Amino acid sequence: MAADVVTVVTRQGCHLCEVAEAEVERICVELAVPWETMDVDADPELRAEYGERVPVILIDGEEHGYWRVEEPRLRAALAR
């Protein structure tokens, strides 16, 4: 079953976040999977949940990983 959406929880001025966004965009465009970003600092609940652990990759709202995109693992998860 294909994923509905990939979300990158990010923050302004975060270099790792920028890298993760670019990688997720490239992979999701190739696989025709929708993706979005969410600013961790714009939502107190997100900030409480993820704090300094950004970027965080979510698939259908479930945490998949953080700090770096593990491309083979992400591709495998999106192929299910």
PDB file of N, CA and C in Angstrom:
ATOM      1  N   MET A   1       0.848  -1.190   0.000  1.00  0.00           N
ATOM      2  CA  MET A   1       0.000   0.000   0.000  1.00  0.00           C
ATOM      3  C   MET A   1       0.887   1.244   0.000  1.00  0.00           C
ATOM      4  N   ALA A   2       0.632   2.143  -0.902  1.00  0.00           N
ATOM      5  CA  ALA A   2       1.446   3.351  -1.028  1.00  0.00           C
ATOM      6  C   ALA A   2       1.115   4.352   0.078  1.00  0.00           C
ATOM      7  N   ALA A   3       2.105   5.160   0.407  1.00  0.00           N
ATOM      8  CA  ALA A   3       1.914   6.192   1.418  1.00  0.00           C
ATOM      9  C   ALA A   3       1.007   7.296   0.892  1.00  0.00           C
ATOM     10  N   ASP A   4       0.251   7.884   1.793  1.00  0.00           N
ATOM     11  CA  ASP A   4      -0.596   9.010   1.423  1.00  0.00           C
ATOM     12  C   ASP A   4       0.209  10.296   1.334  1.00  0.00           C
ATOM     13  N   VAL A   5       1.083  10.524   2.311  1.00  0.00           N
ATOM     14  CA  VAL A   5       1.865  11.762   2.298  1.00  0.00           C
ATOM     15  C   VAL A   5       3.105  11.603   3.180  1.00  0.00           C
ATOM     16  N   VAL A   6       4.187  12.217   2.722  1.00  0.00           N
ATOM     17  CA  VAL A   6       5.423  12.294   3.501  1.00  0.00           C
ATOM     18  C   VAL A   6       5.516  13.730   4.019  1.00  0.00           C
ATOM     19  N   THR A   7       5.822  13.877   5.302  1.00  0.00           N
ATOM     20  CA  THR A   7       5.961  15.193   5.910  1.00  0.00           C
ATOM     21  C   THR A   7       7.371  15.338   6.456  1.00  0.00           C
ATOM     22  N   VAL A   8       7.979  16.485   6.181  1.00  0.00           N
ATOM     23  CA  VAL A   8       9.279  16.814   6.765  1.00  0.00           C
ATOM     24  C   VAL A   8       9.019  17.890   7.815  1.00  0.00           C
ATOM     25  N   VAL A   9       9.242  17.544   9.082  1.00  0.00           N
ATOM     26  CA  VAL A   9       9.136  18.522  10.161  1.00  0.00           C
ATOM     27  C   VAL A   9      10.473  19.248  10.195  1.00  0.00           C
ATOM     28  N   THR A  10      10.422  20.550  10.016  1.00  0.00           N
ATOM     29  CA  THR A  10      11.614  21.339   9.735  1.00  0.00           C
ATOM     30  C   THR A  10      11.630  22.617  10.561  1.00  0.00           C
ATOM     31  N   ARG A  11      12.696  23.398  10.383  1.00  0.00           N
ATOM     32  CA  ARG A  11      12.770  24.713  11.038  1.00  0.00           C
ATOM     33  C   ARG A  11      13.581  25.642  10.146  1.00  0.00           C
ATOM     34  N   GLN A  12      13.238  26.893  10.187  1.00  0.00           N
ATOM     35  CA  GLN A  12      13.959  27.904   9.410  1.00  0.00           C
ATOM     36  C   GLN A  12      15.413  27.960   9.841  1.00  0.00           C
ATOM     37  N   GLY A  13      16.315  28.098   8.875  1.00  0.00           N
ATOM     38  CA  GLY A  13      17.722  28.248   9.178  1.00  0.00           C
ATOM     39  C   GLY A  13      18.443  26.965   9.551  1.00  0.00           C
ATOM     40  N   CYS A  14      17.814  25.827   9.333  1.00  0.00           N
ATOM     41  CA  CYS A  14      18.389  24.520   9.680  1.00  0.00           C
ATOM     42  C   CYS A  14      18.958  23.880   8.412  1.00  0.00           C
ATOM     43  N   HIS A  15      20.286  23.747   8.354  1.00  0.00           N
ATOM     44  CA  HIS A  15      20.923  23.196   7.153  1.00  0.00           C
ATOM     45  C   HIS A  15      20.501  21.740   6.927  1.00  0.00           C
ATOM     46  N   LEU A  16      20.482  20.919   7.965  1.00  0.00           N
ATOM     47  CA  LEU A  16      20.056  19.522   7.805  1.00  0.00           C
ATOM     48  C   LEU A  16      18.623  19.447   7.286  1.00  0.00           C
ATOM     49  N   CYS A  17      17.784  20.387   7.715  1.00  0.00           N
ATOM     50  CA  CYS A  17      16.391  20.424   7.246  1.00  0.00           C
ATOM     51  C   CYS A  17      16.342  20.704   5.749  1.00  0.00           C
ATOM     52  N   GLU A  18      17.158  21.652   5.300  1.00  0.00           N
ATOM     53  CA  GLU A  18      17.190  21.984   3.871  1.00  0.00           C
ATOM     54  C   GLU A  18      17.633  20.779   3.045  1.00  0.00           C
ATOM     55  N   VAL A  19      18.643  20.061   3.517  1.00  0.00           N
ATOM     56  CA  VAL A  19      19.130  18.873   2.822  1.00  0.00           C
ATOM     57  C   VAL A  19      18.031  17.807   2.791  1.00  0.00           C
ATOM     58  N   ALA A  20      17.385  17.581   3.928  1.00  0.00           N
ATOM     59  CA  ALA A  20      16.323  16.565   4.004  1.00  0.00           C
ATOM     60  C   ALA A  20      15.162  16.925   3.080  1.00  0.00           C
ATOM     61  N   GLU A  21      14.771  18.193   3.059  1.00  0.00           N
ATOM     62  CA  GLU A  21      13.676  18.615   2.179  1.00  0.00           C
ATOM     63  C   GLU A  21      14.014  18.326   0.720  1.00  0.00           C
ATOM     64  N   ALA A  22      15.227  18.655   0.305  1.00  0.00           N
ATOM     65  CA  ALA A  22      15.635  18.427  -1.089  1.00  0.00           C
ATOM     66  C   ALA A  22      15.630  16.938  -1.419  1.00  0.00           C
ATOM     67  N   GLU A  23      16.123  16.103  -0.501  1.00  0.00           N
ATOM     68  CA  GLU A  23      16.156  14.662  -0.746  1.00  0.00           C
ATOM     69  C   GLU A  23      14.748  14.080  -0.789  1.00  0.00           C
ATOM     70  N   VAL A  24      13.906  14.476   0.153  1.00  0.00           N
ATOM     71  CA  VAL A  24      12.525  13.980   0.173  1.00  0.00           C
ATOM     72  C   VAL A  24      11.787  14.433  -1.084  1.00  0.00           C
ATOM     73  N   GLU A  25      11.970  15.683  -1.479  1.00  0.00           N
ATOM     74  CA  GLU A  25      11.322  16.169  -2.689  1.00  0.00           C
ATOM     75  C   GLU A  25      11.735  15.333  -3.902  1.00  0.00           C
ATOM     76  N   ARG A  26      13.032  15.098  -4.062  1.00  0.00           N
ATOM     77  CA  ARG A  26      13.528  14.331  -5.202  1.00  0.00           C
ATOM     78  C   ARG A  26      12.926  12.921  -5.221  1.00  0.00           C
ATOM     79  N   ILE A  27      12.937  12.256  -4.084  1.00  0.00           N
ATOM     80  CA  ILE A  27      12.426  10.885  -4.003  1.00  0.00           C
ATOM     81  C   ILE A  27      10.914  10.858  -4.219  1.00  0.00           C
ATOM     82  N   CYS A  28      10.200  11.758  -3.565  1.00  0.00           N
ATOM     83  CA  CYS A  28       8.733  11.763  -3.672  1.00  0.00           C
ATOM     84  C   CYS A  28       8.264  12.126  -5.075  1.00  0.00           C
ATOM     85  N   VAL A  29       8.939  13.071  -5.720  1.00  0.00           N
ATOM     86  CA  VAL A  29       8.568  13.421  -7.091  1.00  0.00           C
ATOM     87  C   VAL A  29       8.778  12.212  -7.994  1.00  0.00           C
ATOM     88  N   GLU A  30       9.907  11.549  -7.831  1.00  0.00           N
ATOM     89  CA  GLU A  30      10.199  10.367  -8.645  1.00  0.00           C
ATOM     90  C   GLU A  30       9.153   9.263  -8.444  1.00  0.00           C
ATOM     91  N   LEU A  31       8.703   9.083  -7.195  1.00  0.00           N
ATOM     92  CA  LEU A  31       7.745   8.017  -6.887  1.00  0.00           C
ATOM     93  C   LEU A  31       6.290   8.477  -6.938  1.00  0.00           C
ATOM     94  N   ALA A  32       6.063   9.742  -7.284  1.00  0.00           N
ATOM     95  CA  ALA A  32       4.716  10.332  -7.343  1.00  0.00           C
ATOM     96  C   ALA A  32       3.985  10.217  -6.008  1.00  0.00           C
ATOM     97  N   VAL A  33       4.717  10.514  -4.935  1.00  0.00           N
ATOM     98  CA  VAL A  33       4.148  10.513  -3.583  1.00  0.00           C
ATOM     99  C   VAL A  33       4.081  11.969  -3.117  1.00  0.00           C
ATOM    100  N   PRO A  34       2.925  12.429  -2.657  1.00  0.00           N
ATOM    101  CA  PRO A  34       2.842  13.813  -2.175  1.00  0.00           C
ATOM    102  C   PRO A  34       3.683  14.000  -0.910  1.00  0.00           C
ATOM    103  N   TRP A  35       4.211  15.214  -0.776  1.00  0.00           N
ATOM    104  CA  TRP A  35       5.001  15.529   0.411  1.00  0.00           C
ATOM    105  C   TRP A  35       4.746  16.966   0.809  1.00  0.00           C
ATOM    106  N   GLU A  36       5.082  17.289   2.061  1.00  0.00           N
ATOM    107  CA  GLU A  36       4.866  18.630   2.601  1.00  0.00           C
ATOM    108  C   GLU A  36       5.901  18.893   3.685  1.00  0.00           C
ATOM    109  N   THR A  37       5.980  20.138   4.100  1.00  0.00           N
ATOM    110  CA  THR A  37       6.818  20.489   5.242  1.00  0.00           C
ATOM    111  C   THR A  37       5.935  21.083   6.332  1.00  0.00           C
ATOM    112  N   MET A  38       6.394  20.949   7.566  1.00  0.00           N
ATOM    113  CA  MET A  38       5.733  21.568   8.717  1.00  0.00           C
ATOM    114  C   MET A  38       6.816  22.220   9.554  1.00  0.00           C
ATOM    115  N   ASP A  39       6.608  23.478   9.919  1.00  0.00           N
ATOM    116  CA  ASP A  39       7.576  24.220  10.728  1.00  0.00           C
ATOM    117  C   ASP A  39       7.391  23.856  12.200  1.00  0.00           C
ATOM    118  N   VAL A  40       8.406  23.241  12.794  1.00  0.00           N
ATOM    119  CA  VAL A  40       8.334  22.797  14.183  1.00  0.00           C
ATOM    120  C   VAL A  40       8.091  23.965  15.132  1.00  0.00           C
ATOM    121  N   ASP A  41       8.571  25.143  14.774  1.00  0.00           N
ATOM    122  CA  ASP A  41       8.442  26.304  15.662  1.00  0.00           C
ATOM    123  C   ASP A  41       7.101  27.006  15.538  1.00  0.00           C
ATOM    124  N   ALA A  42       6.291  26.629  14.555  1.00  0.00           N
ATOM    125  CA  ALA A  42       4.987  27.271  14.360  1.00  0.00           C
ATOM    126  C   ALA A  42       3.893  26.617  15.195  1.00  0.00           C
ATOM    127  N   ASP A  43       4.206  25.498  15.835  1.00  0.00           N
ATOM    128  CA  ASP A  43       3.189  24.746  16.566  1.00  0.00           C
ATOM    129  C   ASP A  43       3.787  24.264  17.884  1.00  0.00           C
ATOM    130  N   PRO A  44       3.249  24.724  19.021  1.00  0.00           N
ATOM    131  CA  PRO A  44       3.795  24.315  20.327  1.00  0.00           C
ATOM    132  C   PRO A  44       3.801  22.797  20.531  1.00  0.00           C
ATOM    133  N   GLU A  45       2.817  22.089  19.986  1.00  0.00           N
ATOM    134  CA  GLU A  45       2.782  20.633  20.126  1.00  0.00           C
ATOM    135  C   GLU A  45       3.924  19.981  19.349  1.00  0.00           C
ATOM    136  N   LEU A  46       4.162  20.476  18.126  1.00  0.00           N
ATOM    137  CA  LEU A  46       5.283  19.944  17.342  1.00  0.00           C
ATOM    138  C   LEU A  46       6.605  20.242  18.045  1.00  0.00           C
ATOM    139  N   ARG A  47       6.746  21.453  18.557  1.00  0.00           N
ATOM    140  CA  ARG A  47       7.984  21.843  19.239  1.00  0.00           C
ATOM    141  C   ARG A  47       8.207  20.966  20.474  1.00  0.00           C
ATOM    142  N   ALA A  48       7.142  20.688  21.220  1.00  0.00           N
ATOM    143  CA  ALA A  48       7.254  19.829  22.404  1.00  0.00           C
ATOM    144  C   ALA A  48       7.624  18.400  22.009  1.00  0.00           C
ATOM    145  N   GLU A  49       7.074  17.929  20.897  1.00  0.00           N
ATOM    146  CA  GLU A  49       7.318  16.558  20.448  1.00  0.00           C
ATOM    147  C   GLU A  49       8.720  16.375  19.862  1.00  0.00           C
ATOM    148  N   TYR A  50       9.139  17.297  18.996  1.00  0.00           N
ATOM    149  CA  TYR A  50      10.375  17.094  18.238  1.00  0.00           C
ATOM    150  C   TYR A  50      11.526  18.004  18.636  1.00  0.00           C
ATOM    151  N   GLY A  51      11.231  19.168  19.208  1.00  0.00           N
ATOM    152  CA  GLY A  51      12.256  20.080  19.704  1.00  0.00           C
ATOM    153  C   GLY A  51      13.446  20.253  18.795  1.00  0.00           C
ATOM    154  N   GLU A  52      14.605  19.826  19.259  1.00  0.00           N
ATOM    155  CA  GLU A  52      15.858  19.976  18.507  1.00  0.00           C
ATOM    156  C   GLU A  52      16.142  18.777  17.603  1.00  0.00           C
ATOM    157  N   ARG A  53      15.237  17.843  17.502  1.00  0.00           N
ATOM    158  CA  ARG A  53      15.468  16.603  16.756  1.00  0.00           C
ATOM    159  C   ARG A  53      15.080  16.730  15.287  1.00  0.00           C
ATOM    160  N   VAL A  54      15.027  17.936  14.758  1.00  0.00           N
ATOM    161  CA  VAL A  54      14.650  18.132  13.358  1.00  0.00           C
ATOM    162  C   VAL A  54      15.867  17.990  12.458  1.00  0.00           C
ATOM    163  N   PRO A  55      15.681  17.637  11.209  1.00  0.00           N
ATOM    164  CA  PRO A  55      14.405  17.316  10.583  1.00  0.00           C
ATOM    165  C   PRO A  55      13.903  15.932  10.986  1.00  0.00           C
ATOM    166  N   VAL A  56      12.582  15.809  11.008  1.00  0.00           N
ATOM    167  CA  VAL A  56      11.932  14.532  11.280  1.00  0.00           C
ATOM    168  C   VAL A  56      11.100  14.191  10.048  1.00  0.00           C
ATOM    169  N   ILE A  57      11.204  12.948   9.604  1.00  0.00           N
ATOM    170  CA  ILE A  57      10.439  12.479   8.453  1.00  0.00           C
ATOM    171  C   ILE A  57       9.262  11.672   8.973  1.00  0.00           C
ATOM    172  N   LEU A  58       8.066  12.058   8.556  1.00  0.00           N
ATOM    173  CA  LEU A  58       6.847  11.328   8.907  1.00  0.00           C
ATOM    174  C   LEU A  58       6.258  10.727   7.639  1.00  0.00           C
ATOM    175  N   ILE A  59       5.736   9.533   7.750  1.00  0.00           N
ATOM    176  CA  ILE A  59       4.982   8.926   6.658  1.00  0.00           C
ATOM    177  C   ILE A  59       3.588   8.680   7.191  1.00  0.00           C
ATOM    178  N   ASP A  60       2.617   9.325   6.575  1.00  0.00           N
ATOM    179  CA  ASP A  60       1.227   9.241   7.030  1.00  0.00           C
ATOM    180  C   ASP A  60       1.106   9.555   8.521  1.00  0.00           C
ATOM    181  N   GLY A  61       1.876  10.546   8.972  1.00  0.00           N
ATOM    182  CA  GLY A  61       1.793  10.992  10.359  1.00  0.00           C
ATOM    183  C   GLY A  61       2.587  10.174  11.349  1.00  0.00           C
ATOM    184  N   GLU A  62       3.204   9.074  10.906  1.00  0.00           N
ATOM    185  CA  GLU A  62       3.997   8.218  11.788  1.00  0.00           C
ATOM    186  C   GLU A  62       5.479   8.507  11.575  1.00  0.00           C
ATOM    187  N   GLU A  63       6.220   8.613  12.676  1.00  0.00           N
ATOM    188  CA  GLU A  63       7.636   8.921  12.563  1.00  0.00           C
ATOM    189  C   GLU A  63       8.388   7.813  11.828  1.00  0.00           C
ATOM    190  N   HIS A  64       9.135   8.223  10.810  1.00  0.00           N
ATOM    191  CA  HIS A  64       9.937   7.289  10.019  1.00  0.00           C
ATOM    192  C   HIS A  64      11.419   7.408  10.377  1.00  0.00           C
ATOM    193  N   GLY A  65      11.881   8.634  10.638  1.00  0.00           N
ATOM    194  CA  GLY A  65      13.277   8.847  10.972  1.00  0.00           C
ATOM    195  C   GLY A  65      13.535  10.313  11.241  1.00  0.00           C
ATOM    196  N   TYR A  66      14.768  10.606  11.636  1.00  0.00           N
ATOM    197  CA  TYR A  66      15.117  12.001  11.913  1.00  0.00           C
ATOM    198  C   TYR A  66      16.581  12.264  11.628  1.00  0.00           C
ATOM    199  N   TRP A  67      16.907  13.540  11.517  1.00  0.00           N
ATOM    200  CA  TRP A  67      18.226  14.117  11.236  1.00  0.00           C
ATOM    201  C   TRP A  67      18.685  13.883   9.807  1.00  0.00           C
ATOM    202  N   ARG A  68      18.617  12.667   9.291  1.00  0.00           N
ATOM    203  CA  ARG A  68      19.060  12.408   7.920  1.00  0.00           C
ATOM    204  C   ARG A  68      18.068  11.482   7.217  1.00  0.00           C
ATOM    205  N   VAL A  69      17.960  11.665   5.904  1.00  0.00           N
ATOM    206  CA  VAL A  69      17.105  10.791   5.095  1.00  0.00           C
ATOM    207  C   VAL A  69      17.908   9.539   4.749  1.00  0.00           C
ATOM    208  N   GLU A  70      17.394   8.392   5.128  1.00  0.00           N
ATOM    209  CA  GLU A  70      18.006   7.118   4.739  1.00  0.00           C
ATOM    210  C   GLU A  70      17.270   6.671   3.478  1.00  0.00           C
ATOM    211  N   GLU A  71      17.832   7.024   2.320  1.00  0.00           N
ATOM    212  CA  GLU A  71      17.111   6.855   1.057  1.00  0.00           C
ATOM    213  C   GLU A  71      16.614   5.432   0.810  1.00  0.00           C
ATOM    214  N   PRO A  72      17.431   4.382   0.949  1.00  0.00           N
ATOM    215  CA  PRO A  72      16.904   3.035   0.683  1.00  0.00           C
ATOM    216  C   PRO A  72      15.736   2.679   1.614  1.00  0.00           C
ATOM    217  N   ARG A  73      15.848   3.075   2.866  1.00  0.00           N
ATOM    218  CA  ARG A  73      14.785   2.787   3.844  1.00  0.00           C
ATOM    219  C   ARG A  73      13.503   3.567   3.513  1.00  0.00           C
ATOM    220  N   LEU A  74      13.654   4.836   3.126  1.00  0.00           N
ATOM    221  CA  LEU A  74      12.494   5.644   2.759  1.00  0.00           C
ATOM    222  C   LEU A  74      11.813   5.071   1.514  1.00  0.00           C
ATOM    223  N   ARG A  75      12.612   4.724   0.518  1.00  0.00           N
ATOM    224  CA  ARG A  75      12.042   4.137  -0.697  1.00  0.00           C
ATOM    225  C   ARG A  75      11.283   2.834  -0.401  1.00  0.00           C
ATOM    226  N   ALA A  76      11.863   2.003   0.458  1.00  0.00           N
ATOM    227  CA  ALA A  76      11.203   0.745   0.816  1.00  0.00           C
ATOM    228  C   ALA A  76       9.883   1.008   1.526  1.00  0.00           C
ATOM    229  N   ALA A  77       9.867   1.992   2.425  1.00  0.00           N
ATOM    230  CA  ALA A  77       8.634   2.313   3.151  1.00  0.00           C
ATOM    231  C   ALA A  77       7.559   2.858   2.212  1.00  0.00           C
ATOM    232  N   LEU A  78       7.973   3.631   1.213  1.00  0.00           N
ATOM    233  CA  LEU A  78       7.006   4.214   0.282  1.00  0.00           C
ATOM    234  C   LEU A  78       6.505   3.200  -0.743  1.00  0.00           C
ATOM    235  N   ALA A  79       7.224   2.114  -0.909  1.00  0.00           N
ATOM    236  CA  ALA A  79       6.817   1.088  -1.879  1.00  0.00           C
ATOM    237  C   ALA A  79       5.782   0.127  -1.303  1.00  0.00           C
ATOM    238  N   ARG A  80       5.598   0.145   0.012  1.00  0.00           N
ATOM    239  CA  ARG A  80       4.652  -0.792   0.650  1.00  0.00           C
ATOM    240  C   ARG A  80       3.234  -0.437   0.341  1.00  0.00           C
TER     241      ARG A  80
END
